[in-house]
Amino acid sequence: MTRIGIDINGVLRDTVGKFTQLYEKHLIDSDQESFMGETYQIDMSGNTELIGEEIKNFEYKKISEVTSLEMDKHFSFRNKEELFSFMYEEYAMELFGHAPSTEMTSFNTLNDFYINYRDNNEILIVSNEIGKSKPSSLFFLSKFGCLLEKIIFFSEVTKTNMWNNVDILLTADPSLLLDQPVGKKIIKYNTNYNKHIESEYEISSLSEFNEIIKTLT
């Protein structure tokens, strides 16, 4: 029995598109006076000293088009911690739970694929998730009516365990595409942020997945 893994981000969920929308709404378009106004500290004698010059001069902006998943290269953040907080604390449900599917028919196609192939294959969802993104992603899958029973959430630490559970992986993630273990097959789902990576098998729509799997199983 062939084990077929299907990644969430980039394949089923338009995470990058939702990230861009949230960043523009909550950071670029919001009133930034609370971030960029002058800040003072008062000493015991009542003297004031201007502080936060770095904060005052900081500007939230889109730096470039998203050509990688290193989001702080494409959107300005004060540091990695602020990026992490934005994604996995403040807006985790909005980002990972309420993002749209990559295609209008993504989950109809996925569920049809599952019904057609489940008798002779094990079909599972995989996703690189951290903290609050896990329950948010479960909500996302439930919201779109995903029929698959098995879901594997993994991190950089547990990535090996994910690979041990799949024979074929459909993913858009550049780090997974570049780290293909011996004996595993990868199908690349084409996106703007992985176009620089070559893959033996690739698709641009989930509707093409069925035909490739026929040749691999």
C-alpha atoms as a PDB file:
ATOM      1  CA  MET A   1       0.000   0.000   0.000  1.00  0.00           C
ATOM      2  CA  THR A   2       1.442   3.366  -1.074  1.00  0.00           C
ATOM      3  CA  ARG A   3       1.341   6.189   1.473  1.00  0.00           C
ATOM      4  CA  ILE A   4       0.497   9.506  -0.181  1.00  0.00           C
ATOM      5  CA  GLY A   5       1.015  12.725   1.784  1.00  0.00           C
ATOM      6  CA  ILE A   6      -0.603  16.020   0.810  1.00  0.00           C
ATOM      7  CA  ASP A   7       0.766  19.227   2.321  1.00  0.00           C
ATOM      8  CA  ILE A   8      -1.612  21.963   3.481  1.00  0.00           C
ATOM      9  CA  ASN A   9       0.341  25.171   2.926  1.00  0.00           C
ATOM     10  CA  GLY A  10       0.510  26.237  -0.693  1.00  0.00           C
ATOM     11  CA  VAL A  11      -1.282  23.104  -1.918  1.00  0.00           C
ATOM     12  CA  LEU A  12      -4.627  23.301  -0.121  1.00  0.00           C
ATOM     13  CA  ARG A  13      -4.352  26.635   1.695  1.00  0.00           C
ATOM     14  CA  ASP A  14      -3.329  30.028   0.327  1.00  0.00           C
ATOM     15  CA  THR A  15      -1.339  30.910   3.436  1.00  0.00           C
ATOM     16  CA  VAL A  16       0.887  33.482   1.734  1.00  0.00           C
ATOM     17  CA  GLY A  17      -2.064  35.321   0.236  1.00  0.00           C
ATOM     18  CA  LYS A  18      -3.794  35.482   3.624  1.00  0.00           C
ATOM     19  CA  PHE A  19      -0.564  36.603   5.320  1.00  0.00           C
ATOM     20  CA  THR A  20      -0.278  39.483   2.841  1.00  0.00           C
ATOM     21  CA  GLN A  21      -3.892  40.493   3.462  1.00  0.00           C
ATOM     22  CA  LEU A  22      -3.487  40.449   7.252  1.00  0.00           C
ATOM     23  CA  TYR A  23      -0.191  42.329   7.132  1.00  0.00           C
ATOM     24  CA  GLU A  24      -1.645  45.083   4.975  1.00  0.00           C
ATOM     25  CA  LYS A  25      -4.799  45.370   7.093  1.00  0.00           C
ATOM     26  CA  HIS A  26      -3.357  45.197  10.597  1.00  0.00           C
ATOM     27  CA  LEU A  27       0.075  46.741  10.112  1.00  0.00           C
ATOM     28  CA  ILE A  28       0.335  48.862   6.964  1.00  0.00           C
ATOM     29  CA  ASP A  29      -3.220  50.233   6.921  1.00  0.00           C
ATOM     30  CA  SER A  30      -3.692  50.530  10.675  1.00  0.00           C
ATOM     31  CA  ASP A  31      -3.043  53.685  12.664  1.00  0.00           C
ATOM     32  CA  GLN A  32       0.669  53.395  13.464  1.00  0.00           C
ATOM     33  CA  GLU A  33       0.808  56.334  15.885  1.00  0.00           C
ATOM     34  CA  SER A  34       1.132  53.913  18.785  1.00  0.00           C
ATOM     35  CA  PHE A  35       4.260  52.507  17.170  1.00  0.00           C
ATOM     36  CA  MET A  36       5.838  55.621  15.672  1.00  0.00           C
ATOM     37  CA  GLY A  37       5.005  58.369  18.169  1.00  0.00           C
ATOM     38  CA  GLU A  38       7.610  59.886  20.461  1.00  0.00           C
ATOM     39  CA  THR A  39       8.222  57.951  23.683  1.00  0.00           C
ATOM     40  CA  TYR A  40       9.783  59.450  26.817  1.00  0.00           C
ATOM     41  CA  GLN A  41      11.068  58.111  30.102  1.00  0.00           C
ATOM     42  CA  ILE A  42      11.007  60.184  33.324  1.00  0.00           C
ATOM     43  CA  ASP A  43      13.760  59.982  35.932  1.00  0.00           C
ATOM     44  CA  MET A  44      13.403  60.553  39.682  1.00  0.00           C
ATOM     45  CA  SER A  45      13.926  64.322  39.272  1.00  0.00           C
ATOM     46  CA  GLY A  46      11.177  64.653  36.701  1.00  0.00           C
ATOM     47  CA  ASN A  47      13.520  65.073  33.753  1.00  0.00           C
ATOM     48  CA  THR A  48      12.410  63.492  30.507  1.00  0.00           C
ATOM     49  CA  GLU A  49      14.478  61.717  27.897  1.00  0.00           C
ATOM     50  CA  LEU A  50      13.346  60.750  24.416  1.00  0.00           C
ATOM     51  CA  ILE A  51      13.542  56.991  23.872  1.00  0.00           C
ATOM     52  CA  GLY A  52      12.406  54.587  21.228  1.00  0.00           C
ATOM     53  CA  GLU A  53      14.080  56.319  18.299  1.00  0.00           C
ATOM     54  CA  GLU A  54      14.331  52.958  16.546  1.00  0.00           C
ATOM     55  CA  ILE A  55      10.584  52.461  17.011  1.00  0.00           C
ATOM     56  CA  LYS A  56       9.879  56.002  15.833  1.00  0.00           C
ATOM     57  CA  ASN A  57      11.739  55.503  12.559  1.00  0.00           C
ATOM     58  CA  PHE A  58      10.382  52.013  11.853  1.00  0.00           C
ATOM     59  CA  GLU A  59       7.921  51.554   8.995  1.00  0.00           C
ATOM     60  CA  TYR A  60       5.792  48.530   8.170  1.00  0.00           C
ATOM     61  CA  LYS A  61       5.971  47.903   4.446  1.00  0.00           C
ATOM     62  CA  LYS A  62       6.108  45.190   1.837  1.00  0.00           C
ATOM     63  CA  ILE A  63       9.735  44.901   0.804  1.00  0.00           C
ATOM     64  CA  SER A  64       9.387  42.646  -2.241  1.00  0.00           C
ATOM     65  CA  GLU A  65       7.245  40.042  -3.927  1.00  0.00           C
ATOM     66  CA  VAL A  66       7.085  36.754  -2.023  1.00  0.00           C
ATOM     67  CA  THR A  67       9.674  34.512  -3.647  1.00  0.00           C
ATOM     68  CA  SER A  68      10.478  32.456  -0.522  1.00  0.00           C
ATOM     69  CA  LEU A  69       8.803  31.454   2.725  1.00  0.00           C
ATOM     70  CA  GLU A  70      11.154  33.647   4.769  1.00  0.00           C
ATOM     71  CA  MET A  71       8.460  36.239   5.286  1.00  0.00           C
ATOM     72  CA  ASP A  72      10.698  38.788   7.012  1.00  0.00           C
ATOM     73  CA  LYS A  73      12.641  39.092   3.747  1.00  0.00           C
ATOM     74  CA  HIS A  74       9.499  40.305   2.008  1.00  0.00           C
ATOM     75  CA  PHE A  75       7.685  42.192   4.803  1.00  0.00           C
ATOM     76  CA  SER A  76       9.297  44.478   7.363  1.00  0.00           C
ATOM     77  CA  PHE A  77       9.268  43.360  11.000  1.00  0.00           C
ATOM     78  CA  ARG A  78      11.346  44.687  13.867  1.00  0.00           C
ATOM     79  CA  ASN A  79      12.745  41.224  14.558  1.00  0.00           C
ATOM     80  CA  LYS A  80      12.059  37.497  14.242  1.00  0.00           C
ATOM     81  CA  GLU A  81      10.114  37.522  17.503  1.00  0.00           C
ATOM     82  CA  GLU A  82       7.595  40.028  16.142  1.00  0.00           C
ATOM     83  CA  LEU A  83       7.110  37.919  13.006  1.00  0.00           C
ATOM     84  CA  PHE A  84       6.576  34.803  15.138  1.00  0.00           C
ATOM     85  CA  SER A  85       4.067  36.641  17.344  1.00  0.00           C
ATOM     86  CA  PHE A  86       2.187  37.971  14.312  1.00  0.00           C
ATOM     87  CA  MET A  87       1.847  34.521  12.743  1.00  0.00           C
ATOM     88  CA  TYR A  88       1.484  32.158  15.658  1.00  0.00           C
ATOM     89  CA  GLU A  89      -0.008  34.250  18.463  1.00  0.00           C
ATOM     90  CA  GLU A  90      -1.895  37.402  17.436  1.00  0.00           C
ATOM     91  CA  TYR A  91      -3.361  36.264  14.114  1.00  0.00           C
ATOM     92  CA  ALA A  92      -2.973  32.469  14.159  1.00  0.00           C
ATOM     93  CA  MET A  93      -6.666  31.693  13.654  1.00  0.00           C
ATOM     94  CA  GLU A  94      -7.136  34.397  11.009  1.00  0.00           C
ATOM     95  CA  LEU A  95      -4.047  33.220   9.132  1.00  0.00           C
ATOM     96  CA  PHE A  96      -4.232  29.443   9.410  1.00  0.00           C
ATOM     97  CA  GLY A  97      -7.932  28.952  10.088  1.00  0.00           C
ATOM     98  CA  HIS A  98      -9.589  31.501   7.828  1.00  0.00           C
ATOM     99  CA  ALA A  99      -7.225  31.516   4.847  1.00  0.00           C
ATOM    100  CA  PRO A 100      -8.887  30.606   1.542  1.00  0.00           C
ATOM    101  CA  SER A 101      -8.176  27.399  -0.316  1.00  0.00           C
ATOM    102  CA  THR A 102      -5.629  27.681  -3.110  1.00  0.00           C
ATOM    103  CA  GLU A 103      -8.279  26.896  -5.724  1.00  0.00           C
ATOM    104  CA  MET A 104     -12.061  27.203  -5.676  1.00  0.00           C
ATOM    105  CA  THR A 105     -12.408  23.427  -6.045  1.00  0.00           C
ATOM    106  CA  SER A 106      -9.397  22.291  -3.983  1.00  0.00           C
ATOM    107  CA  PHE A 107     -11.347  20.250  -1.459  1.00  0.00           C
ATOM    108  CA  ASN A 108     -13.849  18.821  -3.925  1.00  0.00           C
ATOM    109  CA  THR A 109     -10.874  17.566  -5.927  1.00  0.00           C
ATOM    110  CA  LEU A 110      -9.097  16.312  -2.798  1.00  0.00           C
ATOM    111  CA  ASN A 111     -12.146  14.430  -1.516  1.00  0.00           C
ATOM    112  CA  ASP A 112     -12.776  12.855  -4.928  1.00  0.00           C
ATOM    113  CA  PHE A 113      -9.133  11.774  -5.049  1.00  0.00           C
ATOM    114  CA  TYR A 114      -9.433  10.272  -1.565  1.00  0.00           C
ATOM    115  CA  ILE A 115     -12.563   8.301  -2.450  1.00  0.00           C
ATOM    116  CA  ASN A 116     -10.983   6.962  -5.659  1.00  0.00           C
ATOM    117  CA  TYR A 117      -7.641   5.944  -4.128  1.00  0.00           C
ATOM    118  CA  ARG A 118      -8.320   5.095  -0.476  1.00  0.00           C
ATOM    119  CA  ASP A 119      -8.898   1.366  -1.011  1.00  0.00           C
ATOM    120  CA  ASN A 120      -5.369   0.668  -2.230  1.00  0.00           C
ATOM    121  CA  ASN A 121      -3.449   3.590  -0.742  1.00  0.00           C
ATOM    122  CA  GLU A 122      -3.082   5.406   2.555  1.00  0.00           C
ATOM    123  CA  ILE A 123      -3.797   9.088   1.968  1.00  0.00           C
ATOM    124  CA  LEU A 124      -2.897  11.600   4.651  1.00  0.00           C
ATOM    125  CA  ILE A 125      -2.581  15.315   5.330  1.00  0.00           C
ATOM    126  CA  VAL A 126       0.797  16.654   6.468  1.00  0.00           C
ATOM    127  CA  SER A 127       1.725  20.156   7.570  1.00  0.00           C
ATOM    128  CA  ASN A 128       4.549  22.048   9.257  1.00  0.00           C
ATOM    129  CA  GLU A 129       2.772  23.687  12.196  1.00  0.00           C
ATOM    130  CA  ILE A 130       3.706  25.461  15.430  1.00  0.00           C
ATOM    131  CA  GLY A 131       1.639  26.192  18.530  1.00  0.00           C
ATOM    132  CA  LYS A 132      -1.731  27.804  17.793  1.00  0.00           C
ATOM    133  CA  SER A 133      -1.471  27.069  14.090  1.00  0.00           C
ATOM    134  CA  LYS A 134      -2.340  23.415  14.855  1.00  0.00           C
ATOM    135  CA  PRO A 135      -5.921  23.937  16.103  1.00  0.00           C
ATOM    136  CA  SER A 136      -6.324  26.677  13.495  1.00  0.00           C
ATOM    137  CA  SER A 137      -5.363  24.248  10.742  1.00  0.00           C
ATOM    138  CA  LEU A 138      -7.793  21.639  12.081  1.00  0.00           C
ATOM    139  CA  PHE A 139     -10.506  24.306  11.846  1.00  0.00           C
ATOM    140  CA  PHE A 140      -9.417  25.071   8.276  1.00  0.00           C
ATOM    141  CA  LEU A 141      -9.692  21.408   7.239  1.00  0.00           C
ATOM    142  CA  SER A 142     -13.046  21.041   8.984  1.00  0.00           C
ATOM    143  CA  LYS A 143     -14.402  24.253   7.445  1.00  0.00           C
ATOM    144  CA  PHE A 144     -13.743  22.964   3.937  1.00  0.00           C
ATOM    145  CA  GLY A 145     -15.087  19.469   4.672  1.00  0.00           C
ATOM    146  CA  CYS A 146     -11.864  17.489   4.367  1.00  0.00           C
ATOM    147  CA  LEU A 147     -12.653  13.734   4.451  1.00  0.00           C
ATOM    148  CA  LEU A 148      -9.159  12.407   5.133  1.00  0.00           C
ATOM    149  CA  GLU A 149      -8.751  10.652   8.485  1.00  0.00           C
ATOM    150  CA  LYS A 150      -5.027  10.906   9.111  1.00  0.00           C
ATOM    151  CA  ILE A 151      -3.223  14.178   9.772  1.00  0.00           C
ATOM    152  CA  ILE A 152       0.452  14.570  10.694  1.00  0.00           C
ATOM    153  CA  PHE A 153       1.644  17.882  12.065  1.00  0.00           C
ATOM    154  CA  PHE A 154       5.417  18.189  12.161  1.00  0.00           C
ATOM    155  CA  SER A 155       8.169  20.690  12.909  1.00  0.00           C
ATOM    156  CA  GLU A 156      11.813  20.908  11.911  1.00  0.00           C
ATOM    157  CA  VAL A 157      12.575  18.610  14.842  1.00  0.00           C
ATOM    158  CA  THR A 158       9.999  15.969  13.861  1.00  0.00           C
ATOM    159  CA  LYS A 159      10.307  16.251  10.070  1.00  0.00           C
ATOM    160  CA  THR A 160      11.989  12.830   9.856  1.00  0.00           C
ATOM    161  CA  ASN A 161       8.935  11.199  11.411  1.00  0.00           C
ATOM    162  CA  MET A 162       6.742  12.779   8.734  1.00  0.00           C
ATOM    163  CA  TRP A 163       8.964  11.390   5.984  1.00  0.00           C
ATOM    164  CA  ASN A 164       8.796   7.954   7.621  1.00  0.00           C
ATOM    165  CA  ASN A 165       5.024   8.006   7.133  1.00  0.00           C
ATOM    166  CA  VAL A 166       4.882   8.859   3.415  1.00  0.00           C
ATOM    167  CA  ASP A 167       6.155   7.354   0.185  1.00  0.00           C
ATOM    168  CA  ILE A 168       4.931  10.135  -2.098  1.00  0.00           C
ATOM    169  CA  LEU A 169       4.584  13.764  -1.011  1.00  0.00           C
ATOM    170  CA  LEU A 170       2.748  16.580  -2.772  1.00  0.00           C
ATOM    171  CA  THR A 171       4.128  19.874  -1.460  1.00  0.00           C
ATOM    172  CA  ALA A 172       4.913  23.487  -2.319  1.00  0.00           C
ATOM    173  CA  ASP A 173       7.405  23.909   0.531  1.00  0.00           C
ATOM    174  CA  PRO A 174      10.910  24.754  -0.785  1.00  0.00           C
ATOM    175  CA  SER A 175      12.637  23.194   2.244  1.00  0.00           C
ATOM    176  CA  LEU A 176      10.876  19.864   1.654  1.00  0.00           C
ATOM    177  CA  LEU A 177      11.494  19.993  -2.090  1.00  0.00           C
ATOM    178  CA  LEU A 178      15.214  20.527  -1.477  1.00  0.00           C
ATOM    179  CA  ASP A 179      15.465  17.860   1.224  1.00  0.00           C
ATOM    180  CA  GLN A 180      14.070  14.802  -0.547  1.00  0.00           C
ATOM    181  CA  PRO A 181      15.136  11.601   1.232  1.00  0.00           C
ATOM    182  CA  VAL A 182      16.390   8.650  -0.781  1.00  0.00           C
ATOM    183  CA  GLY A 183      13.539   6.381  -1.787  1.00  0.00           C
ATOM    184  CA  LYS A 184      10.837   9.057  -1.493  1.00  0.00           C
ATOM    185  CA  LYS A 185       9.007  10.683  -4.381  1.00  0.00           C
ATOM    186  CA  ILE A 186       8.033  14.348  -4.410  1.00  0.00           C
ATOM    187  CA  ILE A 187       5.503  16.143  -6.566  1.00  0.00           C
ATOM    188  CA  LYS A 188       5.922  19.923  -6.623  1.00  0.00           C
ATOM    189  CA  TYR A 189       2.858  22.146  -6.524  1.00  0.00           C
ATOM    190  CA  ASN A 190       4.011  25.221  -8.440  1.00  0.00           C
ATOM    191  CA  THR A 191       4.008  28.590  -6.660  1.00  0.00           C
ATOM    192  CA  ASN A 192       5.864  31.896  -6.958  1.00  0.00           C
ATOM    193  CA  TYR A 193       8.090  30.955  -4.035  1.00  0.00           C
ATOM    194  CA  ASN A 194       9.292  27.591  -5.385  1.00  0.00           C
ATOM    195  CA  LYS A 195       9.678  28.278  -9.108  1.00  0.00           C
ATOM    196  CA  HIS A 196      13.482  28.284  -8.754  1.00  0.00           C
ATOM    197  CA  ILE A 197      13.432  24.623  -7.635  1.00  0.00           C
ATOM    198  CA  GLU A 198      13.421  21.856 -10.212  1.00  0.00           C
ATOM    199  CA  SER A 199      11.400  18.712  -9.614  1.00  0.00           C
ATOM    200  CA  GLU A 200      10.891  15.559 -11.659  1.00  0.00           C
ATOM    201  CA  TYR A 201       7.161  15.758 -11.079  1.00  0.00           C
ATOM    202  CA  GLU A 202       5.146  18.961 -10.780  1.00  0.00           C
ATOM    203  CA  ILE A 203       1.607  20.245 -11.080  1.00  0.00           C
ATOM    204  CA  SER A 204      -0.013  23.680 -11.198  1.00  0.00           C
ATOM    205  CA  SER A 205      -3.491  22.539 -10.190  1.00  0.00           C
ATOM    206  CA  LEU A 206      -4.740  19.819  -7.871  1.00  0.00           C
ATOM    207  CA  SER A 207      -6.787  18.461 -10.770  1.00  0.00           C
ATOM    208  CA  GLU A 208      -3.495  17.269 -12.318  1.00  0.00           C
ATOM    209  CA  PHE A 209      -2.586  15.212  -9.245  1.00  0.00           C
ATOM    210  CA  ASN A 210      -4.727  12.245 -10.255  1.00  0.00           C
ATOM    211  CA  GLU A 211      -2.868  11.597 -13.512  1.00  0.00           C
ATOM    212  CA  ILE A 212       0.597  11.804 -11.938  1.00  0.00           C
ATOM    213  CA  ILE A 213      -0.369   9.404  -9.142  1.00  0.00           C
ATOM    214  CA  LYS A 214      -1.508   6.873 -11.751  1.00  0.00           C
ATOM    215  CA  THR A 215       2.045   6.759 -13.082  1.00  0.00           C
ATOM    216  CA  LEU A 216       3.662   6.500  -9.645  1.00  0.00           C
ATOM    217  CA  THR A 217       1.507   3.848  -7.946  1.00  0.00           C
END
